[in-house]
């Protein structure tokens, strides 16, 4: 009987941990989000993903309030990814330019605003 109670308590605890981590996960910022603004708390993180359908320049931040770190994969996932780490309060614009990897595609400009706040 004690074994079943321990199992139930462990399962409930695991569900709580998984639920909390899923709730704090936000979807990645993509080129479809160009022109939008996002709030990231100071000390928080977000993910930027740009499709390999275009050849993107490395994204550049307008200030040091965020740090962009490229994510490298062993197998090409079909996109390039960067981690956005919010270091200081402020408003930052991230920009990149994409040239087409196909004949029917047009060049793209990407721009998002990250507002780093206290919460």
N, C-alpha and C. Protein backbone atom coordinates (compact mmCIF):
# COMPACT_ATOMS: atom_id res chain seq x y z
N UNK A 1 0.81 -1.19 0.00
CA UNK A 1 0.00 0.00 0.00
C UNK A 1 0.86 1.26 0.00
N UNK A 2 1.93 1.23 0.79
CA UNK A 2 2.82 2.39 0.84
C UNK A 2 3.47 2.63 -0.52
N UNK A 3 3.76 1.57 -1.25
CA UNK A 3 4.39 1.66 -2.56
C UNK A 3 3.48 2.38 -3.54
N UNK A 4 2.18 2.08 -3.51
CA UNK A 4 1.21 2.74 -4.40
C UNK A 4 1.09 4.21 -4.06
N UNK A 5 1.06 4.54 -2.78
CA UNK A 5 0.97 5.95 -2.37
C UNK A 5 2.21 6.71 -2.84
N UNK A 6 3.39 6.12 -2.71
CA UNK A 6 4.62 6.76 -3.17
C UNK A 6 4.58 6.97 -4.68
N UNK A 7 4.10 6.00 -5.41
CA UNK A 7 4.00 6.09 -6.86
C UNK A 7 3.06 7.22 -7.26
N UNK A 8 1.90 7.32 -6.61
CA UNK A 8 0.93 8.36 -6.92
C UNK A 8 1.51 9.75 -6.63
N UNK A 9 2.16 9.91 -5.48
CA UNK A 9 2.75 11.20 -5.12
C UNK A 9 3.84 11.58 -6.12
N UNK A 10 4.65 10.62 -6.53
CA UNK A 10 5.71 10.89 -7.50
C UNK A 10 5.13 11.29 -8.84
N UNK A 11 4.08 10.62 -9.27
CA UNK A 11 3.45 10.93 -10.56
C UNK A 11 2.85 12.33 -10.55
N UNK A 12 2.18 12.68 -9.46
CA UNK A 12 1.59 14.02 -9.34
C UNK A 12 2.70 15.08 -9.36
N UNK A 13 3.79 14.83 -8.68
CA UNK A 13 4.91 15.77 -8.67
C UNK A 13 5.52 15.94 -10.05
N UNK A 14 5.67 14.84 -10.78
CA UNK A 14 6.22 14.90 -12.12
C UNK A 14 5.31 15.67 -13.06
N UNK A 15 4.02 15.45 -12.98
CA UNK A 15 3.07 16.18 -13.81
C UNK A 15 3.15 17.68 -13.50
N UNK A 16 3.29 18.03 -12.24
CA UNK A 16 3.41 19.44 -11.87
C UNK A 16 4.66 20.08 -12.44
N UNK A 17 5.77 19.37 -12.38
CA UNK A 17 7.03 19.89 -12.93
C UNK A 17 6.93 20.04 -14.43
N UNK A 18 6.41 19.03 -15.12
CA UNK A 18 6.27 19.10 -16.57
C UNK A 18 5.30 20.20 -16.98
N UNK A 19 4.24 20.36 -16.26
CA UNK A 19 3.28 21.42 -16.56
C UNK A 19 3.89 22.79 -16.39
N UNK A 20 4.68 22.97 -15.33
CA UNK A 20 5.32 24.27 -15.09
C UNK A 20 6.33 24.57 -16.17
N UNK A 21 7.11 23.60 -16.62
CA UNK A 21 8.09 23.87 -17.66
C UNK A 21 7.41 24.13 -18.99
N UNK A 22 6.31 23.45 -19.28
CA UNK A 22 5.59 23.69 -20.52
C UNK A 22 4.95 25.07 -20.52
N UNK A 23 4.47 25.52 -19.36
CA UNK A 23 3.83 26.81 -19.28
C UNK A 23 4.82 27.94 -19.51
N UNK A 24 6.09 27.75 -19.11
CA UNK A 24 7.07 28.82 -19.27
C UNK A 24 7.73 28.80 -20.65
N UNK A 25 7.44 27.81 -21.47
CA UNK A 25 8.01 27.72 -22.81
C UNK A 25 7.19 28.57 -23.76
N UNK A 26 7.85 29.47 -24.45
CA UNK A 26 7.16 30.29 -25.43
C UNK A 26 7.54 29.82 -26.82
N UNK A 27 6.69 30.08 -27.78
CA UNK A 27 6.98 29.66 -29.14
C UNK A 27 8.12 30.50 -29.70
N UNK A 28 8.87 29.95 -30.65
CA UNK A 28 9.98 30.71 -31.22
C UNK A 28 9.48 31.90 -32.04
N UNK A 29 10.29 32.92 -32.12
CA UNK A 29 10.04 34.06 -32.99
C UNK A 29 10.52 33.65 -34.38
N UNK A 30 9.70 33.84 -35.42
CA UNK A 30 10.05 33.45 -36.78
C UNK A 30 9.90 34.65 -37.72
N UNK A 31 10.27 34.44 -39.00
CA UNK A 31 10.15 35.54 -39.96
C UNK A 31 8.70 35.97 -40.16
N UNK A 32 7.74 35.11 -39.83
CA UNK A 32 6.33 35.50 -39.89
C UNK A 32 6.01 36.57 -38.85
N UNK A 33 6.85 36.73 -37.85
CA UNK A 33 6.64 37.72 -36.79
C UNK A 33 7.28 39.06 -37.10
N UNK A 34 7.86 39.21 -38.27
CA UNK A 34 8.53 40.46 -38.62
C UNK A 34 7.58 41.65 -38.43
N UNK A 35 8.09 42.69 -37.82
CA UNK A 35 7.30 43.89 -37.54
C UNK A 35 6.63 43.88 -36.17
N UNK A 36 6.69 42.77 -35.47
CA UNK A 36 6.03 42.65 -34.17
C UNK A 36 6.98 42.98 -33.02
N UNK A 37 6.40 43.18 -31.85
CA UNK A 37 7.16 43.42 -30.62
C UNK A 37 6.91 42.29 -29.64
N UNK A 38 7.95 41.97 -28.86
CA UNK A 38 7.85 40.91 -27.86
C UNK A 38 8.43 41.42 -26.55
N UNK A 39 7.79 41.03 -25.45
CA UNK A 39 8.30 41.36 -24.12
C UNK A 39 9.05 40.16 -23.58
N UNK A 40 10.25 40.41 -23.08
CA UNK A 40 11.06 39.38 -22.44
C UNK A 40 11.55 39.95 -21.12
N UNK A 41 11.33 39.27 -20.00
CA UNK A 41 11.80 39.81 -18.73
C UNK A 41 13.33 39.80 -18.66
N UNK A 42 13.88 40.77 -17.96
CA UNK A 42 15.34 40.80 -17.76
C UNK A 42 15.77 39.48 -17.14
N UNK A 43 16.79 38.86 -17.72
CA UNK A 43 17.23 37.55 -17.27
C UNK A 43 16.52 36.41 -18.00
N UNK A 44 15.49 36.74 -18.79
CA UNK A 44 14.73 35.73 -19.53
C UNK A 44 15.36 35.43 -20.88
N UNK A 45 14.77 34.48 -21.56
CA UNK A 45 15.28 34.08 -22.87
C UNK A 45 14.13 33.87 -23.84
N UNK A 46 14.46 33.97 -25.13
CA UNK A 46 13.53 33.66 -26.21
C UNK A 46 14.35 33.01 -27.32
N UNK A 47 13.66 32.47 -28.31
CA UNK A 47 14.31 31.81 -29.43
C UNK A 47 13.92 32.48 -30.72
N UNK A 48 14.90 32.70 -31.59
CA UNK A 48 14.68 33.25 -32.93
C UNK A 48 15.01 32.17 -33.94
N UNK A 49 14.08 31.88 -34.86
CA UNK A 49 14.31 30.90 -35.92
C UNK A 49 13.97 31.52 -37.27
N UNK A 50 14.92 31.43 -38.20
CA UNK A 50 14.71 31.92 -39.55
C UNK A 50 14.86 30.76 -40.53
N UNK A 51 13.90 30.62 -41.42
CA UNK A 51 13.82 29.49 -42.34
C UNK A 51 14.99 29.45 -43.32
N UNK A 52 15.41 28.25 -43.65
CA UNK A 52 16.47 28.07 -44.66
C UNK A 52 15.96 28.26 -46.08
N UNK A 53 14.70 28.63 -46.23
CA UNK A 53 14.17 28.93 -47.56
C UNK A 53 14.85 30.18 -48.12
N UNK A 54 15.39 31.00 -47.22
CA UNK A 54 16.17 32.18 -47.58
C UNK A 54 17.55 32.06 -46.93
N UNK A 55 18.52 32.71 -47.54
CA UNK A 55 19.85 32.79 -46.92
C UNK A 55 19.87 34.08 -46.12
N UNK A 56 19.84 33.96 -44.79
CA UNK A 56 19.73 35.12 -43.91
C UNK A 56 21.09 35.63 -43.50
N UNK A 57 21.21 36.96 -43.43
CA UNK A 57 22.38 37.55 -42.79
C UNK A 57 22.28 37.24 -41.30
N UNK A 58 23.40 37.30 -40.60
CA UNK A 58 23.33 37.11 -39.15
C UNK A 58 22.49 38.25 -38.56
N UNK A 59 21.52 37.92 -37.71
CA UNK A 59 20.72 38.99 -37.11
C UNK A 59 21.58 39.88 -36.23
N UNK A 60 21.26 41.16 -36.24
CA UNK A 60 22.01 42.14 -35.46
C UNK A 60 21.06 42.86 -34.51
N UNK A 61 21.51 43.03 -33.29
CA UNK A 61 20.74 43.74 -32.27
C UNK A 61 21.17 45.20 -32.24
N UNK A 62 20.22 46.10 -32.04
CA UNK A 62 20.51 47.53 -32.02
C UNK A 62 21.19 47.99 -30.75
N UNK A 63 21.20 47.16 -29.71
CA UNK A 63 21.90 47.52 -28.47
C UNK A 63 22.35 46.26 -27.75
N UNK A 64 23.10 46.46 -26.69
CA UNK A 64 23.61 45.34 -25.91
C UNK A 64 22.66 44.85 -24.83
N UNK A 65 21.39 45.31 -24.86
CA UNK A 65 20.44 44.87 -23.84
C UNK A 65 20.09 43.39 -24.00
N UNK A 66 20.33 42.85 -25.20
CA UNK A 66 20.15 41.41 -25.41
C UNK A 66 21.43 40.83 -25.97
N UNK A 67 21.57 39.52 -25.82
CA UNK A 67 22.69 38.81 -26.41
C UNK A 67 22.13 37.74 -27.33
N UNK A 68 22.57 37.76 -28.59
CA UNK A 68 22.15 36.76 -29.57
C UNK A 68 23.24 35.71 -29.69
N UNK A 69 22.90 34.45 -29.47
CA UNK A 69 23.85 33.35 -29.55
C UNK A 69 23.34 32.34 -30.56
N UNK A 70 24.12 32.03 -31.61
CA UNK A 70 23.66 31.04 -32.58
C UNK A 70 23.60 29.65 -31.97
N UNK A 71 22.61 28.87 -32.41
CA UNK A 71 22.46 27.48 -32.00
C UNK A 71 22.91 26.62 -33.18
N UNK A 72 23.83 25.72 -32.94
CA UNK A 72 24.35 24.86 -34.01
C UNK A 72 23.75 23.46 -33.86
N UNK A 73 23.35 22.88 -34.99
CA UNK A 73 22.79 21.53 -35.03
C UNK A 73 23.71 20.62 -35.83
N UNK A 74 23.78 19.34 -35.46
CA UNK A 74 24.54 18.37 -36.23
C UNK A 74 23.83 18.03 -37.54
N UNK A 75 22.51 18.00 -37.51
CA UNK A 75 21.69 17.73 -38.69
C UNK A 75 20.86 18.99 -38.97
N UNK A 76 20.82 19.41 -40.22
CA UNK A 76 20.09 20.62 -40.60
C UNK A 76 18.60 20.47 -40.31
N UNK A 77 18.03 21.30 -39.41
CA UNK A 77 16.61 21.20 -39.09
C UNK A 77 15.72 21.98 -40.05
N UNK A 78 16.31 22.68 -41.03
CA UNK A 78 15.52 23.47 -41.97
C UNK A 78 15.41 24.93 -41.58
N UNK A 79 16.13 25.34 -40.54
CA UNK A 79 16.12 26.74 -40.10
C UNK A 79 17.44 27.03 -39.41
N UNK A 80 17.72 28.34 -39.27
CA UNK A 80 18.84 28.78 -38.42
C UNK A 80 18.21 29.31 -37.14
N UNK A 81 18.90 29.11 -36.03
CA UNK A 81 18.33 29.47 -34.73
C UNK A 81 19.33 30.24 -33.89
N UNK A 82 18.80 31.18 -33.12
CA UNK A 82 19.58 31.95 -32.16
C UNK A 82 18.83 32.00 -30.84
N UNK A 83 19.58 31.99 -29.76
CA UNK A 83 19.02 32.19 -28.43
C UNK A 83 19.11 33.69 -28.14
N UNK A 84 18.03 34.26 -27.65
CA UNK A 84 17.99 35.67 -27.26
C UNK A 84 18.00 35.71 -25.74
N UNK A 85 19.06 36.25 -25.16
CA UNK A 85 19.16 36.38 -23.71
C UNK A 85 18.99 37.85 -23.35
N UNK A 86 17.98 38.15 -22.54
CA UNK A 86 17.69 39.52 -22.13
C UNK A 86 18.60 39.89 -20.97
N UNK A 87 19.53 40.80 -21.19
CA UNK A 87 20.55 41.15 -20.20
C UNK A 87 20.24 42.43 -19.41
N UNK A 88 19.66 43.43 -20.07
CA UNK A 88 19.41 44.71 -19.41
C UNK A 88 18.10 45.31 -19.91
N UNK A 89 17.49 46.15 -19.11
CA UNK A 89 16.24 46.80 -19.50
C UNK A 89 16.46 47.67 -20.72
N UNK A 90 15.45 47.72 -21.58
CA UNK A 90 15.51 48.57 -22.75
C UNK A 90 14.73 47.99 -23.91
N UNK A 91 14.76 48.71 -25.02
CA UNK A 91 14.09 48.29 -26.24
C UNK A 91 15.15 48.04 -27.30
N UNK A 92 15.09 46.87 -27.91
CA UNK A 92 16.10 46.44 -28.87
C UNK A 92 15.41 46.02 -30.16
N UNK A 93 15.97 46.43 -31.29
CA UNK A 93 15.48 45.97 -32.59
C UNK A 93 16.47 44.95 -33.14
N UNK A 94 15.94 43.81 -33.57
CA UNK A 94 16.76 42.79 -34.22
C UNK A 94 16.42 42.84 -35.71
N UNK A 95 17.47 42.92 -36.55
CA UNK A 95 17.27 42.98 -37.99
C UNK A 95 18.11 41.93 -38.70
N UNK A 96 17.58 41.43 -39.82
CA UNK A 96 18.30 40.52 -40.70
C UNK A 96 17.73 40.67 -42.10
N UNK A 97 18.54 40.33 -43.09
CA UNK A 97 18.09 40.36 -44.49
C UNK A 97 18.21 38.96 -45.06
N UNK A 98 17.20 38.56 -45.83
CA UNK A 98 17.19 37.24 -46.43
C UNK A 98 17.17 37.32 -47.94
N UNK A 99 18.08 36.60 -48.59
CA UNK A 99 18.06 36.50 -50.04
C UNK A 99 17.50 35.14 -50.42
N UNK A 100 16.76 35.06 -51.52
CA UNK A 100 16.07 33.82 -51.86
C UNK A 100 17.00 32.67 -52.20
N UNK A 101 16.60 31.47 -51.79
CA UNK A 101 17.27 30.23 -52.18
C UNK A 101 16.51 29.54 -53.30
N UNK A 102 15.50 30.21 -53.83
CA UNK A 102 14.71 29.63 -54.93
C UNK A 102 14.42 30.73 -55.95
N UNK A 103 14.09 30.32 -57.18
CA UNK A 103 13.86 31.29 -58.26
C UNK A 103 12.59 32.11 -58.06
N UNK A 104 11.56 31.51 -57.50
CA UNK A 104 10.27 32.19 -57.37
C UNK A 104 10.16 33.03 -56.09
N UNK A 105 11.18 33.01 -55.25
CA UNK A 105 11.12 33.72 -53.96
C UNK A 105 11.62 35.16 -54.11
N UNK A 106 11.14 36.02 -53.25
CA UNK A 106 11.61 37.40 -53.23
C UNK A 106 12.44 37.63 -51.97
N UNK A 107 13.32 38.62 -52.02
CA UNK A 107 14.16 38.95 -50.86
C UNK A 107 13.27 39.37 -49.69
N UNK A 108 13.75 39.14 -48.50
CA UNK A 108 13.00 39.47 -47.28
C UNK A 108 13.82 40.34 -46.36
N UNK A 109 13.14 41.19 -45.64
CA UNK A 109 13.74 41.95 -44.55
C UNK A 109 13.02 41.52 -43.29
N UNK A 110 13.80 41.27 -42.24
CA UNK A 110 13.23 40.83 -40.97
C UNK A 110 13.57 41.86 -39.91
N UNK A 111 12.55 42.20 -39.10
CA UNK A 111 12.75 43.14 -38.00
C UNK A 111 11.73 42.84 -36.92
N UNK A 112 12.23 42.64 -35.70
CA UNK A 112 11.36 42.52 -34.53
C UNK A 112 11.92 43.42 -33.44
N UNK A 113 11.05 43.81 -32.54
CA UNK A 113 11.44 44.62 -31.39
C UNK A 113 11.30 43.77 -30.14
N UNK A 114 12.35 43.79 -29.32
CA UNK A 114 12.32 43.09 -28.04
C UNK A 114 12.33 44.15 -26.95
N UNK A 115 11.33 44.11 -26.09
CA UNK A 115 11.26 45.02 -24.96
C UNK A 115 11.66 44.23 -23.73
N UNK A 116 12.80 44.58 -23.16
CA UNK A 116 13.31 43.89 -21.97
C UNK A 116 12.84 44.68 -20.77
N UNK A 117 12.08 44.02 -19.91
CA UNK A 117 11.53 44.67 -18.72
C UNK A 117 11.90 43.94 -17.46
N UNK A 118 11.28 44.34 -16.37
CA UNK A 118 11.57 43.74 -15.08
C UNK A 118 10.71 42.52 -14.80
N UNK A 119 9.64 42.34 -15.58
CA UNK A 119 8.78 41.17 -15.35
C UNK A 119 8.26 40.61 -16.63
